[in-house]
Amino acid sequence: MARSIQPIAKRCKALGISPASLGYAKKTTTRDPKGQKGMRRKQSEYGMQLQEKQKVKFIYGVLERQFRNYFDMAQRRPGQTGENLLSILESRLDNVVFRLGFAMTRAEARQLVSHGHFTVNGRRVNIPSFLVKPGMVVTLKDSSKSLEKIKANIEDNAFRQPPKWIDYDANNMIAKINATPAREDIDMPIEEHLIVELYSK
C-alpha cells in the first residue's frame, strides 16, 4: 500500500496538528519569526475543506479510496454523516490497539495487527481496517505478551486511558467493546463538517 514518505513533523505542521498527539515523540519546534515571510495568503473554502480531509486521513492512516468508502458508509447510517465517519474510523482495529496503549502510534498498531498479535472474539485478525462492534472482545495473544516491544509500549503508555466505549482489563489485556464510539470520544481537533461539505459538492 502506498504511503507518504514526507517527514511526520513536516506533515503535522502543514496540517496544524501536534506529532505528540499522534504518539510521536518529536515535536515541531521551528517557527517562522513574526513578519519574516510576510502575511500568509488567506486559504479558500475549498482549501480548508481539503486540508481537513487530508488531516483526518493522515491521523488514521487511511488512503483516499478507503476513506471515500468510509464516507459512503457513514452516509448510509442514521445520524450526522461527519460524526458517523469519525465513529467508523475510531472503530478500526488498529485504532483500538493504539488507544489501548499496545502501540506508540497508529502506524505501529497497524504493523502489530498485520503480524497477527491480536484476536477478536478468540479468532486471530490480521486486518488493521477490521471494524469492531459492540460486544466484541479484543485480546493480545498469549504468545505475544512476552514481546519486549509490546511490553515496553504498555509501560510507556501506562498514562493513556482507554476511551469510554472500551472496557479494558489491563491485568489480563482483554478489551470489550461496550458501545459505538461517540463524537465526544474523539480527542483530536477535527471539523468533520468541512469534509461533508467537500464531498457534497
Protein backbone atom coordinates (compact mmCIF):
# COMPACT_ATOMS: atom_id res chain seq x y z
CA MET A 1 0.00 0.00 0.00
CA ALA A 2 1.33 3.43 -0.93
CA ARG A 3 2.31 5.67 1.96
CA SER A 4 3.59 9.21 2.13
CA ILE A 5 7.32 9.40 2.82
CA GLN A 6 7.18 13.05 3.86
CA PRO A 7 8.61 13.54 7.39
CA ILE A 8 5.97 13.20 10.10
CA ALA A 9 6.84 16.52 11.75
CA LYS A 10 6.58 18.35 8.45
CA ARG A 11 3.19 16.84 7.65
CA CYS A 12 1.89 17.59 11.13
CA LYS A 13 2.98 21.21 10.83
CA ALA A 14 1.31 21.57 7.44
CA LEU A 15 -1.93 20.09 8.79
CA GLY A 16 -1.87 22.00 12.06
CA ILE A 17 -1.61 19.07 14.47
CA SER A 18 0.93 18.07 17.10
CA PRO A 19 3.12 15.00 16.46
CA ALA A 20 2.88 14.24 20.19
CA SER A 21 -0.90 13.85 19.90
CA LEU A 22 -0.30 11.05 17.39
CA GLY A 23 2.19 9.29 19.63
CA TYR A 24 5.37 10.65 18.04
CA ALA A 25 7.95 11.96 20.48
CA LYS A 26 9.37 14.55 18.10
CA LYS A 27 7.61 17.89 18.17
CA THR A 28 7.65 20.65 15.62
CA THR A 29 9.76 23.38 17.16
CA THR A 30 10.57 25.50 14.13
CA ARG A 31 8.53 28.66 13.98
CA ASP A 32 8.55 31.42 11.44
CA PRO A 33 9.67 34.66 13.09
CA LYS A 34 6.89 37.20 13.03
CA GLY A 35 6.91 39.03 9.74
CA GLN A 36 9.78 37.05 8.25
CA LYS A 37 7.75 35.64 5.39
CA GLY A 38 5.10 38.32 5.28
CA MET A 39 1.39 37.65 5.52
CA ARG A 40 0.09 34.23 4.59
CA ARG A 41 -2.43 34.11 1.80
CA LYS A 42 -5.94 33.51 3.08
CA GLN A 43 -7.00 29.94 2.49
CA SER A 44 -10.03 29.35 0.29
CA GLU A 45 -13.11 27.49 1.47
CA TYR A 46 -12.18 24.55 -0.74
CA GLY A 47 -8.64 24.63 0.61
CA MET A 48 -9.89 24.40 4.20
CA GLN A 49 -12.18 21.51 3.33
CA LEU A 50 -9.45 19.64 1.51
CA GLN A 51 -6.95 20.18 4.32
CA GLU A 52 -9.42 18.84 6.89
CA LYS A 53 -9.91 15.69 4.84
CA GLN A 54 -6.14 15.27 4.46
CA LYS A 55 -5.73 15.76 8.20
CA VAL A 56 -8.19 13.01 9.10
CA LYS A 57 -6.72 10.64 6.51
CA PHE A 58 -3.27 11.29 7.96
CA ILE A 59 -4.36 10.83 11.58
CA TYR A 60 -5.91 7.43 10.91
CA GLY A 61 -3.51 6.35 8.15
CA VAL A 62 -6.18 5.84 5.51
CA LEU A 63 -5.81 6.32 1.75
CA GLU A 64 -8.34 8.05 -0.49
CA ARG A 65 -10.31 5.09 -1.83
CA GLN A 66 -10.84 3.54 1.58
CA PHE A 67 -11.64 6.94 3.07
CA ARG A 68 -14.30 7.51 0.42
CA ASN A 69 -15.76 4.08 1.17
CA TYR A 70 -15.97 5.02 4.84
CA PHE A 71 -17.71 8.27 3.91
CA ASP A 72 -20.28 6.40 1.80
CA MET A 73 -20.82 4.00 4.70
CA ALA A 74 -21.30 6.96 7.05
CA GLN A 75 -23.91 8.48 4.73
CA ARG A 76 -25.97 5.29 4.84
CA ARG A 77 -26.07 5.27 8.63
CA PRO A 78 -28.69 7.26 10.55
CA GLY A 79 -27.46 10.45 12.19
CA GLN A 80 -24.86 13.04 11.24
CA THR A 81 -22.61 11.87 8.40
CA GLY A 82 -19.50 13.58 9.78
CA GLU A 83 -19.90 12.06 13.23
CA ASN A 84 -20.62 8.66 11.70
CA LEU A 85 -17.41 8.94 9.67
CA LEU A 86 -15.29 9.59 12.75
CA SER A 87 -17.03 6.77 14.60
CA ILE A 88 -16.17 4.35 11.80
CA LEU A 89 -12.53 5.43 11.79
CA GLU A 90 -12.33 5.06 15.57
CA SER A 91 -13.72 1.54 15.25
CA ARG A 92 -10.78 0.29 13.19
CA LEU A 93 -8.86 -2.46 14.95
CA ASP A 94 -5.53 -0.67 14.54
CA ASN A 95 -7.01 2.39 16.26
CA VAL A 96 -8.29 0.21 19.12
CA VAL A 97 -4.80 -1.26 19.57
CA PHE A 98 -3.34 2.26 19.62
CA ARG A 99 -5.98 3.51 22.06
CA LEU A 100 -5.23 0.66 24.44
CA GLY A 101 -1.54 1.56 24.53
CA PHE A 102 -0.13 -1.54 22.85
CA ALA A 103 1.50 0.70 20.23
CA MET A 104 3.07 4.15 20.37
CA THR A 105 1.49 5.24 17.08
CA ARG A 106 -1.33 4.08 14.81
CA ALA A 107 1.27 3.13 12.21
CA GLU A 108 2.90 0.80 14.70
CA ALA A 109 -0.54 -0.53 15.68
CA ARG A 110 -1.22 -1.39 12.02
CA GLN A 111 2.01 -3.36 11.93
CA LEU A 112 1.21 -5.26 15.13
CA VAL A 113 -2.25 -6.18 13.85
CA SER A 114 -0.84 -7.21 10.46
CA HIS A 115 1.59 -9.53 12.21
CA GLY A 116 -1.29 -11.31 13.91
CA HIS A 117 -0.70 -10.36 17.55
CA PHE A 118 -4.39 -9.79 18.36
CA THR A 119 -7.59 -11.78 18.39
CA VAL A 120 -11.22 -10.68 18.13
CA ASN A 121 -13.73 -12.97 19.83
CA GLY A 122 -10.99 -15.59 20.10
CA ARG A 123 -10.05 -15.57 16.41
CA ARG A 124 -6.80 -14.10 15.08
CA VAL A 125 -7.41 -10.99 12.98
CA ASN A 126 -4.57 -9.52 10.92
CA ILE A 127 -6.56 -6.85 9.08
CA PRO A 128 -5.91 -3.35 10.52
CA SER A 129 -9.09 -1.96 8.93
CA PHE A 130 -11.29 -4.56 10.63
CA LEU A 131 -14.18 -2.69 12.27
CA VAL A 132 -15.01 -3.71 15.81
CA LYS A 133 -18.61 -3.67 17.05
CA PRO A 134 -20.25 -3.56 20.48
CA GLY A 135 -19.97 -6.92 22.20
CA MET A 136 -16.71 -7.90 20.53
CA VAL A 137 -13.70 -8.80 22.68
CA VAL A 138 -10.17 -7.84 21.61
CA THR A 139 -7.22 -9.57 23.26
CA LEU A 140 -3.48 -9.72 22.92
CA LYS A 141 -2.39 -13.26 22.08
CA ASP A 142 -0.69 -15.10 24.94
CA SER A 143 2.33 -15.78 22.75
CA SER A 144 2.70 -12.02 22.12
CA LYS A 145 2.58 -10.88 25.74
CA SER A 146 6.29 -11.57 26.22
CA LEU A 147 7.44 -9.49 23.25
CA GLU A 148 9.77 -6.77 24.52
CA LYS A 149 8.42 -4.12 22.14
CA ILE A 150 4.82 -4.58 23.25
CA LYS A 151 5.82 -4.76 26.93
CA ALA A 152 7.79 -1.51 26.56
CA ASN A 153 4.87 0.20 24.82
CA ILE A 154 2.44 -0.84 27.55
CA GLU A 155 4.79 0.53 30.20
CA ASP A 156 5.39 3.80 28.34
CA ASN A 157 1.66 4.25 27.69
CA ALA A 158 0.51 3.46 31.22
CA PHE A 159 -0.88 7.01 31.44
CA ARG A 160 -3.09 6.53 28.37
CA GLN A 161 -6.69 5.99 29.40
CA PRO A 162 -8.88 3.81 27.15
CA PRO A 163 -11.92 5.63 25.74
CA LYS A 164 -15.27 5.20 27.48
CA TRP A 165 -16.58 2.87 24.79
CA ILE A 166 -13.95 0.24 25.64
CA ASP A 167 -13.93 -1.74 28.90
CA TYR A 168 -10.29 -2.74 29.35
CA ASP A 169 -8.93 -5.29 31.81
CA ALA A 170 -5.25 -4.26 31.89
CA ASN A 171 -4.19 -7.22 34.04
CA ASN A 172 -5.39 -9.76 31.50
CA MET A 173 -5.07 -7.49 28.45
CA ILE A 174 -8.66 -8.05 27.44
CA ALA A 175 -10.78 -5.27 25.95
CA LYS A 176 -14.54 -5.47 25.48
CA ILE A 177 -16.21 -3.07 23.07
CA ASN A 178 -19.14 -1.65 25.01
CA ALA A 179 -20.55 0.84 22.55
CA THR A 180 -20.10 2.57 19.23
CA PRO A 181 -17.59 5.45 19.53
CA ALA A 182 -19.37 8.79 20.07
CA ARG A 183 -18.30 12.22 18.86
CA GLU A 184 -17.16 13.27 22.34
CA ASP A 185 -14.76 10.32 22.37
CA ILE A 186 -12.72 11.88 19.55
CA ASP A 187 -9.96 13.91 21.18
CA MET A 188 -8.41 15.34 18.01
CA PRO A 189 -9.17 18.86 16.66
CA ILE A 190 -11.32 17.80 13.71
CA GLU A 191 -14.02 19.80 11.93
CA GLU A 192 -15.82 16.96 10.23
CA HIS A 193 -18.48 19.22 8.72
CA LEU A 194 -15.83 20.53 6.30
CA ILE A 195 -15.31 17.00 4.95
CA VAL A 196 -19.04 16.55 4.47
CA GLU A 197 -19.20 19.86 2.60
CA LEU A 198 -16.28 18.80 0.41
CA TYR A 199 -17.86 15.52 -0.66
CA SER A 200 -21.26 17.14 -1.09
CA LYS A 201 -20.03 19.31 -3.96
